Amino acid sequence: MAISVGRDSPTEQDMTADAEEIVIDALRNLARWLYRRLEREYDYLSSDEVVYAGIIVSGYTFTEAGQRFG
């Protein structure tokens, strides 16, 4: 993946030598953080407790074979 970092400076100052690396690291850290948050939310929403609560709240009933009943 290629990321190009530039600077639009009204004072025409040059970018620091490590600016691109800093931006890439920040974006990678953000991506990792977002992925962990999504993973935790998925684990929570697909947990037995949450699924069971959803079934109860919705009033679903099932047969012993697992077929929806009623």
PDB file of N, CA and C in Angstrom:
ATOM      1  N   MET A   1       0.846  -1.164   0.000  1.00  0.00           N
ATOM      2  CA  MET A   1       0.000   0.000   0.000  1.00  0.00           C
ATOM      3  C   MET A   1       0.896   1.233   0.000  1.00  0.00           C
ATOM      4  N   ALA A   2       0.595   2.158  -0.841  1.00  0.00           N
ATOM      5  CA  ALA A   2       1.396   3.370  -0.927  1.00  0.00           C
ATOM      6  C   ALA A   2       0.608   4.551  -0.380  1.00  0.00           C
ATOM      7  N   ILE A   3       1.255   5.307   0.477  1.00  0.00           N
ATOM      8  CA  ILE A   3       0.662   6.522   1.020  1.00  0.00           C
ATOM      9  C   ILE A   3       1.612   7.652   0.704  1.00  0.00           C
ATOM     10  N   SER A   4       1.072   8.699   0.125  1.00  0.00           N
ATOM     11  CA  SER A   4       1.889   9.855  -0.194  1.00  0.00           C
ATOM     12  C   SER A   4       1.493  10.990   0.746  1.00  0.00           C
ATOM     13  N   VAL A   5       2.458  11.521   1.438  1.00  0.00           N
ATOM     14  CA  VAL A   5       2.205  12.592   2.392  1.00  0.00           C
ATOM     15  C   VAL A   5       2.821  13.871   1.860  1.00  0.00           C
ATOM     16  N   GLY A   6       2.035  14.922   1.838  1.00  0.00           N
ATOM     17  CA  GLY A   6       2.519  16.218   1.387  1.00  0.00           C
ATOM     18  C   GLY A   6       2.120  17.297   2.373  1.00  0.00           C
ATOM     19  N   ARG A   7       2.613  18.466   2.176  1.00  0.00           N
ATOM     20  CA  ARG A   7       2.290  19.561   3.075  1.00  0.00           C
ATOM     21  C   ARG A   7       1.906  20.776   2.256  1.00  0.00           C
ATOM     22  N   ASP A   8       0.758  21.332   2.608  1.00  0.00           N
ATOM     23  CA  ASP A   8       0.294  22.558   1.977  1.00  0.00           C
ATOM     24  C   ASP A   8       0.465  23.663   3.010  1.00  0.00           C
ATOM     25  N   SER A   9       1.595  24.299   2.979  1.00  0.00           N
ATOM     26  CA  SER A   9       1.952  25.273   4.007  1.00  0.00           C
ATOM     27  C   SER A   9       1.910  26.693   3.444  1.00  0.00           C
ATOM     28  N   PRO A  10       1.160  27.567   4.101  1.00  0.00           N
ATOM     29  CA  PRO A  10       1.128  28.961   3.632  1.00  0.00           C
ATOM     30  C   PRO A  10       2.479  29.657   3.799  1.00  0.00           C
ATOM     31  N   THR A  11       3.325  29.135   4.696  1.00  0.00           N
ATOM     32  CA  THR A  11       4.660  29.719   4.893  1.00  0.00           C
ATOM     33  C   THR A  11       5.715  28.990   4.070  1.00  0.00           C
ATOM     34  N   GLU A  12       5.262  28.023   3.294  1.00  0.00           N
ATOM     35  CA  GLU A  12       6.116  27.235   2.409  1.00  0.00           C
ATOM     36  C   GLU A  12       7.235  26.506   3.144  1.00  0.00           C
ATOM     37  N   GLN A  13       6.926  26.062   4.374  1.00  0.00           N
ATOM     38  CA  GLN A  13       7.898  25.260   5.121  1.00  0.00           C
ATOM     39  C   GLN A  13       7.885  23.849   4.555  1.00  0.00           C
ATOM     40  N   ASP A  14       9.064  23.257   4.512  1.00  0.00           N
ATOM     41  CA  ASP A  14       9.161  21.882   4.047  1.00  0.00           C
ATOM     42  C   ASP A  14       8.665  20.924   5.119  1.00  0.00           C
ATOM     43  N   MET A  15       8.267  19.774   4.667  1.00  0.00           N
ATOM     44  CA  MET A  15       7.852  18.704   5.554  1.00  0.00           C
ATOM     45  C   MET A  15       9.075  18.138   6.270  1.00  0.00           C
ATOM     46  N   THR A  16       8.881  17.628   7.481  1.00  0.00           N
ATOM     47  CA  THR A  16       9.996  16.983   8.163  1.00  0.00           C
ATOM     48  C   THR A  16      10.309  15.670   7.461  1.00  0.00           C
ATOM     49  N   ALA A  17      11.505  15.190   7.627  1.00  0.00           N
ATOM     50  CA  ALA A  17      11.949  13.981   6.933  1.00  0.00           C
ATOM     51  C   ALA A  17      11.151  12.749   7.326  1.00  0.00           C
ATOM     52  N   ASP A  18      10.681  12.702   8.576  1.00  0.00           N
ATOM     53  CA  ASP A  18       9.964  11.513   9.039  1.00  0.00           C
ATOM     54  C   ASP A  18       8.442  11.669   9.037  1.00  0.00           C
ATOM     55  N   ALA A  19       7.929  12.705   8.391  1.00  0.00           N
ATOM     56  CA  ALA A  19       6.488  12.976   8.397  1.00  0.00           C
ATOM     57  C   ALA A  19       5.686  11.818   7.813  1.00  0.00           C
ATOM     58  N   GLU A  20       6.132  11.289   6.696  1.00  0.00           N
ATOM     59  CA  GLU A  20       5.392  10.199   6.055  1.00  0.00           C
ATOM     60  C   GLU A  20       5.350   8.968   6.965  1.00  0.00           C
ATOM     61  N   GLU A  21       6.462   8.645   7.587  1.00  0.00           N
ATOM     62  CA  GLU A  21       6.514   7.489   8.488  1.00  0.00           C
ATOM     63  C   GLU A  21       5.584   7.690   9.695  1.00  0.00           C
ATOM     64  N   ILE A  22       5.546   8.900  10.214  1.00  0.00           N
ATOM     65  CA  ILE A  22       4.681   9.207  11.359  1.00  0.00           C
ATOM     66  C   ILE A  22       3.213   9.043  10.980  1.00  0.00           C
ATOM     67  N   VAL A  23       2.837   9.537   9.808  1.00  0.00           N
ATOM     68  CA  VAL A  23       1.450   9.417   9.349  1.00  0.00           C
ATOM     69  C   VAL A  23       1.094   7.952   9.110  1.00  0.00           C
ATOM     70  N   ILE A  24       1.974   7.203   8.490  1.00  0.00           N
ATOM     71  CA  ILE A  24       1.719   5.781   8.237  1.00  0.00           C
ATOM     72  C   ILE A  24       1.561   5.026   9.551  1.00  0.00           C
ATOM     73  N   ASP A  25       2.422   5.286  10.517  1.00  0.00           N
ATOM     74  CA  ASP A  25       2.310   4.631  11.830  1.00  0.00           C
ATOM     75  C   ASP A  25       0.998   4.985  12.516  1.00  0.00           C
ATOM     76  N   ALA A  26       0.612   6.245  12.440  1.00  0.00           N
ATOM     77  CA  ALA A  26      -0.644   6.677  13.060  1.00  0.00           C
ATOM     78  C   ALA A  26      -1.835   5.977  12.410  1.00  0.00           C
ATOM     79  N   LEU A  27      -1.824   5.869  11.089  1.00  0.00           N
ATOM     80  CA  LEU A  27      -2.927   5.204  10.390  1.00  0.00           C
ATOM     81  C   LEU A  27      -2.964   3.705  10.696  1.00  0.00           C
ATOM     82  N   ARG A  28      -1.810   3.078  10.799  1.00  0.00           N
ATOM     83  CA  ARG A  28      -1.759   1.654  11.165  1.00  0.00           C
ATOM     84  C   ARG A  28      -2.289   1.438  12.578  1.00  0.00           C
ATOM     85  N   ASN A  29      -1.884   2.309  13.506  1.00  0.00           N
ATOM     86  CA  ASN A  29      -2.379   2.206  14.875  1.00  0.00           C
ATOM     87  C   ASN A  29      -3.892   2.389  14.929  1.00  0.00           C
ATOM     88  N   LEU A  30      -4.403   3.337  14.166  1.00  0.00           N
ATOM     89  CA  LEU A  30      -5.850   3.543  14.097  1.00  0.00           C
ATOM     90  C   LEU A  30      -6.545   2.312  13.538  1.00  0.00           C
ATOM     91  N   ALA A  31      -6.006   1.741  12.481  1.00  0.00           N
ATOM     92  CA  ALA A  31      -6.599   0.547  11.875  1.00  0.00           C
ATOM     93  C   ALA A  31      -6.611  -0.621  12.854  1.00  0.00           C
ATOM     94  N   ARG A  32      -5.518  -0.813  13.582  1.00  0.00           N
ATOM     95  CA  ARG A  32      -5.471  -1.890  14.586  1.00  0.00           C
ATOM     96  C   ARG A  32      -6.491  -1.661  15.693  1.00  0.00           C
ATOM     97  N   TRP A  33      -6.589  -0.412  16.166  1.00  0.00           N
ATOM     98  CA  TRP A  33      -7.544  -0.086  17.223  1.00  0.00           C
ATOM     99  C   TRP A  33      -8.979  -0.335  16.753  1.00  0.00           C
ATOM    100  N   LEU A  34      -9.286   0.131  15.535  1.00  0.00           N
ATOM    101  CA  LEU A  34     -10.630  -0.088  14.987  1.00  0.00           C
ATOM    102  C   LEU A  34     -10.938  -1.574  14.832  1.00  0.00           C
ATOM    103  N   TYR A  35      -9.973  -2.339  14.363  1.00  0.00           N
ATOM    104  CA  TYR A  35     -10.178  -3.772  14.187  1.00  0.00           C
ATOM    105  C   TYR A  35     -10.457  -4.449  15.529  1.00  0.00           C
ATOM    106  N   ARG A  36      -9.675  -4.091  16.562  1.00  0.00           N
ATOM    107  CA  ARG A  36      -9.902  -4.673  17.893  1.00  0.00           C
ATOM    108  C   ARG A  36     -11.279  -4.321  18.424  1.00  0.00           C
ATOM    109  N   ARG A  37     -11.699  -3.071  18.227  1.00  0.00           N
ATOM    110  CA  ARG A  37     -13.033  -2.657  18.677  1.00  0.00           C
ATOM    111  C   ARG A  37     -14.131  -3.444  17.945  1.00  0.00           C
ATOM    112  N   LEU A  38     -13.994  -3.581  16.650  1.00  0.00           N
ATOM    113  CA  LEU A  38     -14.973  -4.335  15.867  1.00  0.00           C
ATOM    114  C   LEU A  38     -15.005  -5.802  16.279  1.00  0.00           C
ATOM    115  N   GLU A  39     -13.835  -6.357  16.530  1.00  0.00           N
ATOM    116  CA  GLU A  39     -13.749  -7.746  16.945  1.00  0.00           C
ATOM    117  C   GLU A  39     -14.438  -7.962  18.299  1.00  0.00           C
ATOM    118  N   ARG A  40     -14.188  -7.052  19.244  1.00  0.00           N
ATOM    119  CA  ARG A  40     -14.844  -7.162  20.557  1.00  0.00           C
ATOM    120  C   ARG A  40     -16.351  -7.014  20.443  1.00  0.00           C
ATOM    121  N   GLU A  41     -16.806  -6.081  19.609  1.00  0.00           N
ATOM    122  CA  GLU A  41     -18.247  -5.887  19.427  1.00  0.00           C
ATOM    123  C   GLU A  41     -18.884  -7.111  18.786  1.00  0.00           C
ATOM    124  N   TYR A  42     -18.214  -7.695  17.807  1.00  0.00           N
ATOM    125  CA  TYR A  42     -18.725  -8.911  17.179  1.00  0.00           C
ATOM    126  C   TYR A  42     -18.806 -10.044  18.201  1.00  0.00           C
ATOM    127  N   ASP A  43     -17.741 -10.221  18.979  1.00  0.00           N
ATOM    128  CA  ASP A  43     -17.737 -11.274  20.002  1.00  0.00           C
ATOM    129  C   ASP A  43     -18.883 -11.074  20.992  1.00  0.00           C
ATOM    130  N   TYR A  44     -19.106  -9.834  21.402  1.00  0.00           N
ATOM    131  CA  TYR A  44     -20.188  -9.541  22.333  1.00  0.00           C
ATOM    132  C   TYR A  44     -21.546  -9.851  21.700  1.00  0.00           C
ATOM    133  N   LEU A  45     -21.787  -9.328  20.500  1.00  0.00           N
ATOM    134  CA  LEU A  45     -23.091  -9.495  19.865  1.00  0.00           C
ATOM    135  C   LEU A  45     -23.398 -10.937  19.487  1.00  0.00           C
ATOM    136  N   SER A  46     -22.369 -11.750  19.299  1.00  0.00           N
ATOM    137  CA  SER A  46     -22.595 -13.152  18.941  1.00  0.00           C
ATOM    138  C   SER A  46     -22.433 -14.085  20.142  1.00  0.00           C
ATOM    139  N   SER A  47     -22.334 -13.510  21.341  1.00  0.00           N
ATOM    140  CA  SER A  47     -22.199 -14.339  22.542  1.00  0.00           C
ATOM    141  C   SER A  47     -23.522 -15.036  22.856  1.00  0.00           C
ATOM    142  N   ASP A  48     -23.435 -16.139  23.556  1.00  0.00           N
ATOM    143  CA  ASP A  48     -24.631 -16.904  23.917  1.00  0.00           C
ATOM    144  C   ASP A  48     -25.621 -16.049  24.706  1.00  0.00           C
ATOM    145  N   GLU A  49     -25.118 -15.233  25.613  1.00  0.00           N
ATOM    146  CA  GLU A  49     -25.993 -14.424  26.452  1.00  0.00           C
ATOM    147  C   GLU A  49     -26.809 -13.429  25.631  1.00  0.00           C
ATOM    148  N   VAL A  50     -26.162 -12.745  24.700  1.00  0.00           N
ATOM    149  CA  VAL A  50     -26.852 -11.735  23.899  1.00  0.00           C
ATOM    150  C   VAL A  50     -27.826 -12.401  22.922  1.00  0.00           C
ATOM    151  N   VAL A  51     -27.415 -13.507  22.335  1.00  0.00           N
ATOM    152  CA  VAL A  51     -28.313 -14.223  21.420  1.00  0.00           C
ATOM    153  C   VAL A  51     -29.533 -14.726  22.188  1.00  0.00           C
ATOM    154  N   TYR A  52     -29.309 -15.292  23.357  1.00  0.00           N
ATOM    155  CA  TYR A  52     -30.407 -15.794  24.183  1.00  0.00           C
ATOM    156  C   TYR A  52     -31.354 -14.653  24.568  1.00  0.00           C
ATOM    157  N   ALA A  53     -30.795 -13.512  24.981  1.00  0.00           N
ATOM    158  CA  ALA A  53     -31.624 -12.364  25.339  1.00  0.00           C
ATOM    159  C   ALA A  53     -32.455 -11.900  24.149  1.00  0.00           C
ATOM    160  N   GLY A  54     -31.878 -11.906  22.972  1.00  0.00           N
ATOM    161  CA  GLY A  54     -32.616 -11.516  21.762  1.00  0.00           C
ATOM    162  C   GLY A  54     -33.758 -12.467  21.463  1.00  0.00           C
ATOM    163  N   ILE A  55     -33.529 -13.737  21.690  1.00  0.00           N
ATOM    164  CA  ILE A  55     -34.583 -14.742  21.472  1.00  0.00           C
ATOM    165  C   ILE A  55     -35.720 -14.521  22.460  1.00  0.00           C
ATOM    166  N   ILE A  56     -35.389 -14.301  23.723  1.00  0.00           N
ATOM    167  CA  ILE A  56     -36.399 -14.097  24.758  1.00  0.00           C
ATOM    168  C   ILE A  56     -37.192 -12.819  24.492  1.00  0.00           C
ATOM    169  N   VAL A  57     -36.503 -11.714  24.225  1.00  0.00           N
ATOM    170  CA  VAL A  57     -37.167 -10.431  23.986  1.00  0.00           C
ATOM    171  C   VAL A  57     -38.092 -10.508  22.777  1.00  0.00           C
ATOM    172  N   SER A  58     -37.682 -11.240  21.765  1.00  0.00           N
ATOM    173  CA  SER A  58     -38.494 -11.354  20.547  1.00  0.00           C
ATOM    174  C   SER A  58     -39.630 -12.350  20.703  1.00  0.00           C
ATOM    175  N   GLY A  59     -39.621 -13.107  21.792  1.00  0.00           N
ATOM    176  CA  GLY A  59     -40.697 -14.061  22.024  1.00  0.00           C
ATOM    177  C   GLY A  59     -40.620 -15.308  21.159  1.00  0.00           C
ATOM    178  N   TYR A  60     -39.457 -15.629  20.653  1.00  0.00           N
ATOM    179  CA  TYR A  60     -39.310 -16.823  19.831  1.00  0.00           C
ATOM    180  C   TYR A  60     -39.363 -18.071  20.708  1.00  0.00           C
ATOM    181  N   THR A  61     -39.928 -19.117  20.172  1.00  0.00           N
ATOM    182  CA  THR A  61     -39.908 -20.426  20.820  1.00  0.00           C
ATOM    183  C   THR A  61     -39.405 -21.441  19.811  1.00  0.00           C
ATOM    184  N   PHE A  62     -38.805 -22.517  20.339  1.00  0.00           N
ATOM    185  CA  PHE A  62     -38.209 -23.522  19.477  1.00  0.00           C
ATOM    186  C   PHE A  62     -38.574 -24.913  19.979  1.00  0.00           C
ATOM    187  N   THR A  63     -38.582 -25.861  19.062  1.00  0.00           N
ATOM    188  CA  THR A  63     -38.786 -27.257  19.424  1.00  0.00           C
ATOM    189  C   THR A  63     -37.465 -27.820  19.932  1.00  0.00           C
ATOM    190  N   GLU A  64     -37.502 -29.027  20.472  1.00  0.00           N
ATOM    191  CA  GLU A  64     -36.271 -29.662  20.954  1.00  0.00           C
ATOM    192  C   GLU A  64     -35.279 -29.878  19.821  1.00  0.00           C
ATOM    193  N   ALA A  65     -35.784 -30.024  18.595  1.00  0.00           N
ATOM    194  CA  ALA A  65     -34.916 -30.241  17.442  1.00  0.00           C
ATOM    195  C   ALA A  65     -34.315 -28.934  16.935  1.00  0.00           C
ATOM    196  N   GLY A  66     -34.711 -27.793  17.527  1.00  0.00           N
ATOM    197  CA  GLY A  66     -34.152 -26.525  17.131  1.00  0.00           C
ATOM    198  C   GLY A  66     -34.954 -25.778  16.083  1.00  0.00           C
ATOM    199  N   GLN A  67     -36.100 -26.312  15.720  1.00  0.00           N
ATOM    200  CA  GLN A  67     -36.949 -25.641  14.739  1.00  0.00           C
ATOM    201  C   GLN A  67     -37.763 -24.547  15.440  1.00  0.00           C
ATOM    202  N   ARG A  68     -37.972 -23.430  14.751  1.00  0.00           N
ATOM    203  CA  ARG A  68     -38.750 -22.343  15.339  1.00  0.00           C
ATOM    204  C   ARG A  68     -40.204 -22.794  15.441  1.00  0.00           C
ATOM    205  N   PHE A  69     -40.796 -22.488  16.566  1.00  0.00           N
ATOM    206  CA  PHE A  69     -42.160 -22.904  16.839  1.00  0.00           C
ATOM    207  C   PHE A  69     -42.973 -21.694  17.219  1.00  0.00           C
ATOM    208  N   GLY A  70     -44.151 -21.548  16.622  1.00  0.00           N
ATOM    209  CA  GLY A  70     -45.089 -20.490  17.026  1.00  0.00           C
ATOM    210  C   GLY A  70     -44.890 -19.188  16.424  1.00  0.00           C
TER     211      GLY A  70
END
